[in-house]
Amino acid sequence: MINQEFLVERDDYANAGRVSSQIKQLLSQIGIPVDILRKVAVACYEAEINMIIHAWGGTITLTLQEDGKLTLVFKDPGPGIPDLEKAMTPGWSTASEKARQLGFGAGMGLFNIKRVSDYFDIQTSPTGTILTIGFEVAS
């Protein structure tokens, strides 16, 4: 079993994608199949970017159980997603002008995460958001 936590800093555009790359490298080293690795990389990157752009930073917890269930939990301390239904709509974004100028904020994040994940759950309030996604690694 693997259980590892990673820190994501608010507004840390210079390191955007760093944690996702670390997770992808770790999973690659232990032999996760490439097709699953690709899905995990997409979902993890999108969620990490959302934490940098929209939240006040947070943590990503990776768990790989012996039965092959891979879970990623993205937890941030706020400010929450005001309209989750809109946030799930492709192309809808509340990204700042700064984020857009840096090439982020296309409004595809949550949509893409849900699309590539085997399991998707999101809980949000003004005190934070917890996104839990899962992947079936073992067949």
N, C-alpha and C. Protein backbone atom coordinates (compact mmCIF):
# COMPACT_ATOMS: atom_id res chain seq x y z
N MET A 1 0.84 -1.18 0.00
CA MET A 1 0.00 0.00 0.00
C MET A 1 0.89 1.24 0.00
N ILE A 2 0.43 2.23 -0.75
CA ILE A 2 1.11 3.52 -0.79
C ILE A 2 0.13 4.57 -0.27
N ASN A 3 0.61 5.43 0.60
CA ASN A 3 -0.19 6.55 1.10
C ASN A 3 0.75 7.73 1.24
N GLN A 4 0.59 8.72 0.37
CA GLN A 4 1.52 9.84 0.37
C GLN A 4 0.74 11.15 0.19
N GLU A 5 1.19 12.18 0.89
CA GLU A 5 0.54 13.49 0.80
C GLU A 5 1.49 14.50 0.18
N PHE A 6 0.92 15.37 -0.64
CA PHE A 6 1.68 16.41 -1.34
C PHE A 6 1.03 17.76 -1.06
N LEU A 7 1.83 18.80 -0.98
CA LEU A 7 1.35 20.15 -0.71
C LEU A 7 1.28 20.96 -2.00
N VAL A 8 0.19 21.70 -2.17
CA VAL A 8 0.02 22.60 -3.31
C VAL A 8 -0.15 24.01 -2.75
N GLU A 9 0.65 24.95 -3.25
CA GLU A 9 0.61 26.33 -2.76
C GLU A 9 -0.32 27.18 -3.63
N ARG A 10 -1.03 28.07 -2.99
CA ARG A 10 -1.91 29.02 -3.67
C ARG A 10 -1.10 29.94 -4.58
N ASP A 11 -1.63 30.19 -5.78
CA ASP A 11 -1.02 31.12 -6.75
C ASP A 11 0.40 30.74 -7.16
N ASP A 12 0.80 29.49 -7.00
CA ASP A 12 2.16 29.06 -7.33
C ASP A 12 2.23 28.62 -8.80
N TYR A 13 2.00 29.58 -9.68
CA TYR A 13 1.97 29.28 -11.11
C TYR A 13 3.31 28.76 -11.62
N ALA A 14 4.40 29.19 -11.02
CA ALA A 14 5.73 28.76 -11.46
C ALA A 14 5.92 27.26 -11.29
N ASN A 15 5.23 26.66 -10.33
CA ASN A 15 5.35 25.22 -10.09
C ASN A 15 4.09 24.44 -10.45
N ALA A 16 3.22 25.07 -11.22
CA ALA A 16 1.97 24.41 -11.63
C ALA A 16 2.27 23.10 -12.37
N GLY A 17 1.74 22.02 -11.87
CA GLY A 17 1.96 20.71 -12.47
C GLY A 17 3.08 19.91 -11.82
N ARG A 18 3.81 20.52 -10.91
CA ARG A 18 4.94 19.84 -10.26
C ARG A 18 4.49 18.60 -9.49
N VAL A 19 3.45 18.76 -8.67
CA VAL A 19 2.97 17.63 -7.87
C VAL A 19 2.42 16.53 -8.79
N SER A 20 1.68 16.93 -9.81
CA SER A 20 1.15 15.94 -10.75
C SER A 20 2.27 15.13 -11.41
N SER A 21 3.35 15.81 -11.74
CA SER A 21 4.51 15.13 -12.33
C SER A 21 5.15 14.16 -11.34
N GLN A 22 5.24 14.57 -10.08
CA GLN A 22 5.80 13.69 -9.05
C GLN A 22 4.94 12.43 -8.89
N ILE A 23 3.63 12.63 -8.88
CA ILE A 23 2.72 11.49 -8.73
C ILE A 23 2.83 10.57 -9.94
N LYS A 24 2.87 11.14 -11.12
CA LYS A 24 3.00 10.34 -12.34
C LYS A 24 4.30 9.54 -12.32
N GLN A 25 5.39 10.16 -11.91
CA GLN A 25 6.68 9.48 -11.85
C GLN A 25 6.65 8.34 -10.84
N LEU A 26 6.09 8.58 -9.67
CA LEU A 26 5.97 7.55 -8.65
C LEU A 26 5.17 6.35 -9.16
N LEU A 27 4.02 6.63 -9.75
CA LEU A 27 3.16 5.55 -10.25
C LEU A 27 3.81 4.80 -11.41
N SER A 28 4.55 5.52 -12.23
CA SER A 28 5.26 4.88 -13.34
C SER A 28 6.33 3.93 -12.83
N GLN A 29 7.04 4.34 -11.78
CA GLN A 29 8.12 3.52 -11.22
C GLN A 29 7.59 2.22 -10.61
N ILE A 30 6.36 2.23 -10.13
CA ILE A 30 5.82 1.00 -9.54
C ILE A 30 5.04 0.16 -10.55
N GLY A 31 5.03 0.63 -11.82
CA GLY A 31 4.47 -0.20 -12.88
C GLY A 31 2.99 -0.02 -13.20
N ILE A 32 2.42 1.12 -12.88
CA ILE A 32 1.02 1.36 -13.25
C ILE A 32 0.93 1.38 -14.77
N PRO A 33 -0.05 0.69 -15.34
CA PRO A 33 -0.18 0.66 -16.81
C PRO A 33 -0.30 2.06 -17.42
N VAL A 34 0.28 2.22 -18.60
CA VAL A 34 0.36 3.52 -19.27
C VAL A 34 -1.01 4.13 -19.50
N ASP A 35 -2.01 3.35 -19.87
CA ASP A 35 -3.33 3.91 -20.14
C ASP A 35 -3.94 4.51 -18.87
N ILE A 36 -3.73 3.88 -17.74
CA ILE A 36 -4.24 4.41 -16.47
C ILE A 36 -3.38 5.60 -16.02
N LEU A 37 -2.09 5.48 -16.22
CA LEU A 37 -1.18 6.56 -15.87
C LEU A 37 -1.56 7.86 -16.60
N ARG A 38 -1.94 7.74 -17.85
CA ARG A 38 -2.35 8.89 -18.65
C ARG A 38 -3.59 9.56 -18.05
N LYS A 39 -4.58 8.75 -17.66
CA LYS A 39 -5.81 9.28 -17.06
C LYS A 39 -5.51 9.96 -15.72
N VAL A 40 -4.70 9.31 -14.91
CA VAL A 40 -4.34 9.88 -13.61
C VAL A 40 -3.61 11.21 -13.81
N ALA A 41 -2.71 11.27 -14.77
CA ALA A 41 -1.94 12.49 -15.02
C ALA A 41 -2.85 13.64 -15.42
N VAL A 42 -3.81 13.37 -16.30
CA VAL A 42 -4.75 14.41 -16.74
C VAL A 42 -5.57 14.91 -15.56
N ALA A 43 -6.18 13.99 -14.82
CA ALA A 43 -7.04 14.36 -13.70
C ALA A 43 -6.26 15.10 -12.62
N CYS A 44 -5.10 14.60 -12.29
CA CYS A 44 -4.29 15.19 -11.23
C CYS A 44 -3.84 16.60 -11.62
N TYR A 45 -3.40 16.76 -12.84
CA TYR A 45 -2.96 18.08 -13.31
C TYR A 45 -4.11 19.09 -13.24
N GLU A 46 -5.27 18.71 -13.76
CA GLU A 46 -6.42 19.61 -13.76
C GLU A 46 -6.79 20.02 -12.34
N ALA A 47 -6.82 19.06 -11.43
CA ALA A 47 -7.20 19.36 -10.04
C ALA A 47 -6.14 20.21 -9.35
N GLU A 48 -4.87 19.91 -9.61
CA GLU A 48 -3.80 20.71 -9.02
C GLU A 48 -3.88 22.16 -9.50
N ILE A 49 -4.11 22.35 -10.78
CA ILE A 49 -4.24 23.70 -11.34
C ILE A 49 -5.42 24.43 -10.71
N ASN A 50 -6.53 23.72 -10.53
CA ASN A 50 -7.69 24.34 -9.88
C ASN A 50 -7.35 24.81 -8.48
N MET A 51 -6.56 24.03 -7.75
CA MET A 51 -6.17 24.42 -6.39
C MET A 51 -5.29 25.68 -6.42
N ILE A 52 -4.45 25.79 -7.42
CA ILE A 52 -3.56 26.94 -7.55
C ILE A 52 -4.35 28.19 -7.95
N ILE A 53 -5.25 28.04 -8.91
CA ILE A 53 -5.99 29.18 -9.45
C ILE A 53 -7.13 29.63 -8.54
N HIS A 54 -7.95 28.69 -8.10
CA HIS A 54 -9.21 29.04 -7.46
C HIS A 54 -9.23 28.89 -5.95
N ALA A 55 -8.40 28.04 -5.40
CA ALA A 55 -8.45 27.76 -3.96
C ALA A 55 -7.27 28.41 -3.25
N TRP A 56 -7.20 28.19 -1.98
CA TRP A 56 -6.12 28.73 -1.17
C TRP A 56 -5.06 27.66 -0.93
N GLY A 57 -4.67 26.99 -2.04
CA GLY A 57 -3.72 25.89 -1.91
C GLY A 57 -4.41 24.68 -1.32
N GLY A 58 -3.62 23.73 -0.82
CA GLY A 58 -4.21 22.54 -0.22
C GLY A 58 -3.30 21.35 -0.30
N THR A 59 -3.90 20.18 -0.13
CA THR A 59 -3.13 18.94 -0.16
C THR A 59 -3.72 17.96 -1.16
N ILE A 60 -2.85 17.12 -1.68
CA ILE A 60 -3.25 16.00 -2.53
C ILE A 60 -2.77 14.76 -1.81
N THR A 61 -3.68 13.84 -1.55
CA THR A 61 -3.31 12.58 -0.91
C THR A 61 -3.53 11.45 -1.90
N LEU A 62 -2.46 10.71 -2.14
CA LEU A 62 -2.46 9.56 -3.04
C LEU A 62 -2.50 8.29 -2.20
N THR A 63 -3.44 7.41 -2.51
CA THR A 63 -3.51 6.11 -1.85
C THR A 63 -3.64 5.04 -2.91
N LEU A 64 -2.76 4.06 -2.86
CA LEU A 64 -2.85 2.89 -3.72
C LEU A 64 -2.96 1.68 -2.82
N GLN A 65 -4.11 1.03 -2.85
CA GLN A 65 -4.36 -0.11 -1.98
C GLN A 65 -3.87 -1.40 -2.64
N GLU A 66 -3.70 -2.41 -1.83
CA GLU A 66 -3.23 -3.71 -2.32
C GLU A 66 -4.17 -4.30 -3.37
N ASP A 67 -5.46 -3.97 -3.28
CA ASP A 67 -6.44 -4.52 -4.24
C ASP A 67 -6.45 -3.77 -5.57
N GLY A 68 -5.56 -2.78 -5.73
CA GLY A 68 -5.44 -2.07 -6.99
C GLY A 68 -6.29 -0.83 -7.10
N LYS A 69 -6.91 -0.41 -6.02
CA LYS A 69 -7.69 0.83 -6.07
C LYS A 69 -6.78 2.01 -5.80
N LEU A 70 -6.76 2.93 -6.74
CA LEU A 70 -5.96 4.14 -6.65
C LEU A 70 -6.90 5.30 -6.37
N THR A 71 -6.65 6.03 -5.30
CA THR A 71 -7.49 7.15 -4.92
C THR A 71 -6.64 8.40 -4.75
N LEU A 72 -7.16 9.50 -5.25
CA LEU A 72 -6.53 10.80 -5.06
C LEU A 72 -7.56 11.71 -4.40
N VAL A 73 -7.17 12.34 -3.30
CA VAL A 73 -8.05 13.26 -2.60
C VAL A 73 -7.39 14.64 -2.61
N PHE A 74 -8.11 15.60 -3.17
CA PHE A 74 -7.65 16.98 -3.27
C PHE A 74 -8.46 17.78 -2.26
N LYS A 75 -7.79 18.33 -1.27
CA LYS A 75 -8.48 19.02 -0.20
C LYS A 75 -7.92 20.43 -0.05
N ASP A 76 -8.82 21.42 -0.11
CA ASP A 76 -8.39 22.80 0.06
C ASP A 76 -9.22 23.48 1.13
N PRO A 77 -8.68 24.56 1.73
CA PRO A 77 -9.36 25.24 2.83
C PRO A 77 -10.35 26.34 2.41
N GLY A 78 -10.62 26.46 1.12
CA GLY A 78 -11.60 27.45 0.69
C GLY A 78 -11.17 28.14 -0.57
N PRO A 79 -12.04 28.90 -1.14
CA PRO A 79 -13.30 29.45 -0.67
C PRO A 79 -14.53 28.64 -1.08
N GLY A 80 -14.34 27.48 -1.68
CA GLY A 80 -15.47 26.68 -2.15
C GLY A 80 -15.88 27.07 -3.56
N ILE A 81 -16.75 26.27 -4.13
CA ILE A 81 -17.24 26.50 -5.49
C ILE A 81 -18.68 27.02 -5.36
N PRO A 82 -18.92 28.29 -5.70
CA PRO A 82 -20.24 28.88 -5.50
C PRO A 82 -21.37 28.17 -6.26
N ASP A 83 -21.10 27.75 -7.49
CA ASP A 83 -22.12 27.10 -8.31
C ASP A 83 -21.50 25.87 -8.96
N LEU A 84 -21.61 24.74 -8.27
CA LEU A 84 -20.97 23.51 -8.73
C LEU A 84 -21.50 23.06 -10.09
N GLU A 85 -22.79 23.22 -10.31
CA GLU A 85 -23.37 22.81 -11.60
C GLU A 85 -22.73 23.58 -12.75
N LYS A 86 -22.58 24.88 -12.59
CA LYS A 86 -21.91 25.67 -13.64
C LYS A 86 -20.45 25.28 -13.77
N ALA A 87 -19.79 25.03 -12.64
CA ALA A 87 -18.37 24.66 -12.66
C ALA A 87 -18.12 23.36 -13.40
N MET A 88 -19.13 22.50 -13.47
CA MET A 88 -19.01 21.22 -14.19
C MET A 88 -19.29 21.38 -15.68
N THR A 89 -19.73 22.56 -16.10
CA THR A 89 -20.06 22.82 -17.50
C THR A 89 -18.80 23.14 -18.30
N PRO A 90 -18.55 22.40 -19.38
CA PRO A 90 -17.35 22.68 -20.19
C PRO A 90 -17.32 24.13 -20.67
N GLY A 91 -16.18 24.78 -20.47
CA GLY A 91 -15.99 26.14 -20.94
C GLY A 91 -16.36 27.22 -19.95
N TRP A 92 -17.02 26.87 -18.86
CA TRP A 92 -17.40 27.87 -17.86
C TRP A 92 -16.25 28.04 -16.88
N SER A 93 -15.82 29.27 -16.64
CA SER A 93 -14.67 29.50 -15.78
C SER A 93 -14.80 30.79 -15.00
N THR A 94 -14.25 30.77 -13.79
CA THR A 94 -14.15 31.98 -12.98
C THR A 94 -12.68 32.36 -12.79
N ALA A 95 -11.83 31.86 -13.66
CA ALA A 95 -10.39 32.14 -13.53
C ALA A 95 -10.11 33.63 -13.64
N SER A 96 -9.13 34.07 -12.89
CA SER A 96 -8.73 35.48 -12.90
C SER A 96 -8.07 35.83 -14.23
N GLU A 97 -7.96 37.13 -14.47
CA GLU A 97 -7.28 37.59 -15.68
C GLU A 97 -5.82 37.12 -15.67
N LYS A 98 -5.20 37.13 -14.51
CA LYS A 98 -3.81 36.67 -14.38
C LYS A 98 -3.70 35.21 -14.83
N ALA A 99 -4.60 34.36 -14.35
CA ALA A 99 -4.57 32.94 -14.73
C ALA A 99 -4.77 32.78 -16.23
N ARG A 100 -5.68 33.53 -16.79
CA ARG A 100 -5.95 33.44 -18.23
C ARG A 100 -4.75 33.90 -19.06
N GLN A 101 -4.09 34.95 -18.61
CA GLN A 101 -2.90 35.44 -19.31
C GLN A 101 -1.78 34.41 -19.31
N LEU A 102 -1.77 33.57 -18.28
CA LEU A 102 -0.75 32.52 -18.19
C LEU A 102 -1.17 31.24 -18.92
N GLY A 103 -2.35 31.26 -19.54
CA GLY A 103 -2.79 30.12 -20.33
C GLY A 103 -3.66 29.13 -19.57
N PHE A 104 -4.11 29.49 -18.38
CA PHE A 104 -4.97 28.63 -17.57
C PHE A 104 -6.40 29.16 -17.61
N GLY A 105 -7.33 28.37 -17.07
CA GLY A 105 -8.69 28.85 -16.88
C GLY A 105 -9.61 28.67 -18.06
N ALA A 106 -9.43 27.60 -18.83
CA ALA A 106 -10.29 27.35 -19.99
C ALA A 106 -11.66 26.79 -19.60
N GLY A 107 -11.83 26.43 -18.33
CA GLY A 107 -13.12 25.93 -17.90
C GLY A 107 -13.37 24.48 -18.22
N MET A 108 -12.31 23.71 -18.38
CA MET A 108 -12.45 22.29 -18.72
C MET A 108 -12.00 21.37 -17.58
N GLY A 109 -11.50 21.94 -16.49
CA GLY A 109 -10.90 21.16 -15.41
C GLY A 109 -11.78 20.09 -14.82
N LEU A 110 -12.87 20.47 -14.16
CA LEU A 110 -13.73 19.48 -13.50
C LEU A 110 -14.35 18.52 -14.52
N PHE A 111 -14.72 19.04 -15.67
CA PHE A 111 -15.29 18.20 -16.72
C PHE A 111 -14.29 17.11 -17.13
N ASN A 112 -13.05 17.50 -17.37
CA ASN A 112 -12.02 16.52 -17.77
C ASN A 112 -11.70 15.53 -16.66
N ILE A 113 -11.67 16.01 -15.43
CA ILE A 113 -11.40 15.11 -14.30
C ILE A 113 -12.45 14.03 -14.22
N LYS A 114 -13.71 14.43 -14.29
CA LYS A 114 -14.81 13.46 -14.21
C LYS A 114 -14.77 12.50 -15.40
N ARG A 115 -14.45 13.01 -16.56
CA ARG A 115 -14.42 12.21 -17.80
C ARG A 115 -13.40 11.08 -17.73
N VAL A 116 -12.24 11.33 -17.14
CA VAL A 116 -11.18 10.31 -17.15
C VAL A 116 -11.16 9.42 -15.90
N SER A 117 -11.92 9.79 -14.87
CA SER A 117 -11.89 9.04 -13.61
C SER A 117 -12.92 7.92 -13.59
N ASP A 118 -12.59 6.84 -12.87
CA ASP A 118 -13.54 5.76 -12.66
C ASP A 118 -14.51 6.11 -11.52
N TYR A 119 -14.06 6.97 -10.62
CA TYR A 119 -14.87 7.41 -9.49
C TYR A 119 -14.65 8.90 -9.33
N PHE A 120 -15.73 9.64 -9.07
CA PHE A 120 -15.65 11.10 -8.94
C PHE A 120 -16.65 11.55 -7.89
N ASP A 121 -16.16 12.27 -6.88
CA ASP A 121 -17.05 12.84 -5.88
C ASP A 121 -16.48 14.18 -5.47
N ILE A 122 -17.34 15.18 -5.37
CA ILE A 122 -16.89 16.50 -4.95
C ILE A 122 -17.85 17.06 -3.92
N GLN A 123 -17.26 17.54 -2.84
CA GLN A 123 -18.01 18.19 -1.76
C GLN A 123 -17.41 19.58 -1.59
N THR A 124 -18.27 20.60 -1.59
CA THR A 124 -17.75 21.96 -1.51
C THR A 124 -18.62 22.83 -0.62
N SER A 125 -17.95 23.75 0.07
CA SER A 125 -18.61 24.73 0.93
C SER A 125 -17.65 25.91 1.05
N PRO A 126 -18.10 27.01 1.64
CA PRO A 126 -17.19 28.15 1.80
C PRO A 126 -15.93 27.83 2.61
N THR A 127 -15.95 26.75 3.38
CA THR A 127 -14.76 26.39 4.17
C THR A 127 -13.83 25.44 3.43
N GLY A 128 -14.16 25.10 2.19
CA GLY A 128 -13.25 24.29 1.40
C GLY A 128 -13.94 23.29 0.49
N THR A 129 -13.11 22.64 -0.29
CA THR A 129 -13.59 21.65 -1.25
C THR A 129 -12.78 20.38 -1.08
N ILE A 130 -13.46 19.25 -1.16
CA ILE A 130 -12.80 17.96 -1.16
C ILE A 130 -13.23 17.23 -2.41
N LEU A 131 -12.28 16.99 -3.28
CA LEU A 131 -12.50 16.25 -4.52
C LEU A 131 -11.85 14.89 -4.35
N THR A 132 -12.61 13.85 -4.52
CA THR A 132 -12.09 12.48 -4.42
C THR A 132 -12.30 11.81 -5.77
N ILE A 133 -11.21 11.32 -6.34
CA ILE A 133 -11.31 10.58 -7.60
C ILE A 133 -10.61 9.23 -7.44
N GLY A 134 -11.07 8.28 -8.23
CA GLY A 134 -10.49 6.95 -8.13
C GLY A 134 -10.30 6.30 -9.47
N PHE A 135 -9.40 5.34 -9.47
CA PHE A 135 -9.05 4.60 -10.69
C PHE A 135 -8.88 3.14 -10.33
N GLU A 136 -9.39 2.27 -11.18
CA GLU A 136 -9.20 0.82 -11.00
C GLU A 136 -7.92 0.43 -11.72
N VAL A 137 -6.90 0.11 -10.96
CA VAL A 137 -5.60 -0.24 -11.55
C VAL A 137 -5.54 -1.71 -11.88
N ALA A 138 -6.04 -2.56 -10.98
CA ALA A 138 -6.03 -4.02 -11.19
C ALA A 138 -7.27 -4.42 -11.96
N SER A 139 -7.11 -5.39 -12.87
CA SER A 139 -8.26 -5.83 -13.65
C SER A 139 -8.88 -7.07 -13.07
